Amino acid sequence: MHPRRILTWPIHGSYFNTLSRLDDEWFLPVKAGAPDGYGGRGSADFPLSVRDVPAASIRELDLDLVL
């Protein structure tokens, strides 16, 4: 099975930190100024499989799951 491509918002830091260690690709929406829910990776120590994506580009992603 290929890694799932998952869009999520890392609202609960510790919970997402654990999820991000799974063998999946994670996409976090970002907006200018990093309003609540749109700060992306920020300064967190997430694996390289966690990537920021501009919120305006979300529709262009080929996703398997949205959390």
C-alpha atoms as a PDB file:
ATOM      1  CA  MET A   1       0.000   0.000   0.000  1.00  0.00           C
ATOM      2  CA  HIS A   2       1.331   3.425  -0.879  1.00  0.00           C
ATOM      3  CA  PRO A   3       1.575   6.157   1.755  1.00  0.00           C
ATOM      4  CA  ARG A   4      -1.743   7.938   2.168  1.00  0.00           C
ATOM      5  CA  ARG A   5      -1.860  11.623   1.270  1.00  0.00           C
ATOM      6  CA  ILE A   6      -3.627  13.342   4.148  1.00  0.00           C
ATOM      7  CA  LEU A   7      -4.721  16.942   4.644  1.00  0.00           C
ATOM      8  CA  THR A   8      -5.132  18.010   8.251  1.00  0.00           C
ATOM      9  CA  TRP A   9      -4.868  20.924  10.627  1.00  0.00           C
ATOM     10  CA  PRO A  10      -2.406  20.307  13.494  1.00  0.00           C
ATOM     11  CA  ILE A  11      -4.642  21.837  16.166  1.00  0.00           C
ATOM     12  CA  HIS A  12      -3.632  19.361  18.896  1.00  0.00           C
ATOM     13  CA  GLY A  13       0.163  19.455  18.755  1.00  0.00           C
ATOM     14  CA  SER A  14       1.029  16.295  20.689  1.00  0.00           C
ATOM     15  CA  TYR A  15      -1.643  14.260  18.932  1.00  0.00           C
ATOM     16  CA  PHE A  16      -0.529  15.344  15.471  1.00  0.00           C
ATOM     17  CA  ASN A  17       3.125  14.932  16.387  1.00  0.00           C
ATOM     18  CA  THR A  18       2.387  11.248  17.030  1.00  0.00           C
ATOM     19  CA  LEU A  19       0.304  10.838  13.847  1.00  0.00           C
ATOM     20  CA  SER A  20       2.983  12.505  11.740  1.00  0.00           C
ATOM     21  CA  ARG A  21       5.361   9.636  12.543  1.00  0.00           C
ATOM     22  CA  LEU A  22       3.187   7.213  10.542  1.00  0.00           C
ATOM     23  CA  ASP A  23       4.313   6.272   7.037  1.00  0.00           C
ATOM     24  CA  ASP A  24       2.029   8.783   5.286  1.00  0.00           C
ATOM     25  CA  GLU A  25       2.331  12.134   3.540  1.00  0.00           C
ATOM     26  CA  TRP A  26       0.810  14.996   5.511  1.00  0.00           C
ATOM     27  CA  PHE A  27      -0.290  18.376   4.162  1.00  0.00           C
ATOM     28  CA  LEU A  28      -0.913  21.357   6.431  1.00  0.00           C
ATOM     29  CA  PRO A  29      -2.719  24.427   5.057  1.00  0.00           C
ATOM     30  CA  VAL A  30      -1.020  27.787   5.501  1.00  0.00           C
ATOM     31  CA  LYS A  31      -2.187  31.359   5.057  1.00  0.00           C
ATOM     32  CA  ALA A  32      -0.245  34.610   5.249  1.00  0.00           C
ATOM     33  CA  GLY A  33       0.093  35.818   8.810  1.00  0.00           C
ATOM     34  CA  ALA A  34      -0.524  32.281  10.143  1.00  0.00           C
ATOM     35  CA  PRO A  35      -4.060  32.792  11.514  1.00  0.00           C
ATOM     36  CA  ASP A  36      -5.370  30.086  13.877  1.00  0.00           C
ATOM     37  CA  GLY A  37      -5.388  26.733  12.098  1.00  0.00           C
ATOM     38  CA  TYR A  38      -3.281  27.945   9.185  1.00  0.00           C
ATOM     39  CA  GLY A  39       0.225  28.124  10.627  1.00  0.00           C
ATOM     40  CA  GLY A  40       1.458  24.929   8.974  1.00  0.00           C
ATOM     41  CA  ARG A  41       4.583  23.302  10.359  1.00  0.00           C
ATOM     42  CA  GLY A  42       5.566  26.398  12.293  1.00  0.00           C
ATOM     43  CA  SER A  43       8.578  25.657  14.469  1.00  0.00           C
ATOM     44  CA  ALA A  44       7.496  22.084  15.274  1.00  0.00           C
ATOM     45  CA  ASP A  45       9.925  19.227  14.732  1.00  0.00           C
ATOM     46  CA  PHE A  46       7.791  17.244  12.285  1.00  0.00           C
ATOM     47  CA  PRO A  47       9.276  14.687   9.877  1.00  0.00           C
ATOM     48  CA  LEU A  48       9.933  15.659   6.250  1.00  0.00           C
ATOM     49  CA  SER A  49       6.715  13.841   5.263  1.00  0.00           C
ATOM     50  CA  VAL A  50       4.801  16.828   6.720  1.00  0.00           C
ATOM     51  CA  ARG A  51       4.549  19.669   4.222  1.00  0.00           C
ATOM     52  CA  ASP A  52       2.960  23.088   4.184  1.00  0.00           C
ATOM     53  CA  VAL A  53       0.594  23.846   1.328  1.00  0.00           C
ATOM     54  CA  PRO A  54      -1.004  27.229   0.584  1.00  0.00           C
ATOM     55  CA  ALA A  55      -4.656  27.048   1.621  1.00  0.00           C
ATOM     56  CA  ALA A  56      -5.659  28.402  -1.786  1.00  0.00           C
ATOM     57  CA  SER A  57      -4.019  25.363  -3.446  1.00  0.00           C
ATOM     58  CA  ILE A  58      -5.773  22.654  -1.451  1.00  0.00           C
ATOM     59  CA  ARG A  59      -8.231  21.871  -4.255  1.00  0.00           C
ATOM     60  CA  GLU A  60      -5.315  20.966  -6.523  1.00  0.00           C
ATOM     61  CA  LEU A  61      -4.023  18.223  -4.203  1.00  0.00           C
ATOM     62  CA  ASP A  62      -4.628  14.571  -4.941  1.00  0.00           C
ATOM     63  CA  LEU A  63      -5.654  13.467  -1.438  1.00  0.00           C
ATOM     64  CA  ASP A  64      -6.724  10.185   0.111  1.00  0.00           C
ATOM     65  CA  LEU A  65      -8.078  11.583   3.348  1.00  0.00           C
ATOM     66  CA  VAL A  66      -9.006  14.823   5.119  1.00  0.00           C
ATOM     67  CA  LEU A  67      -8.896  14.886   8.932  1.00  0.00           C
END
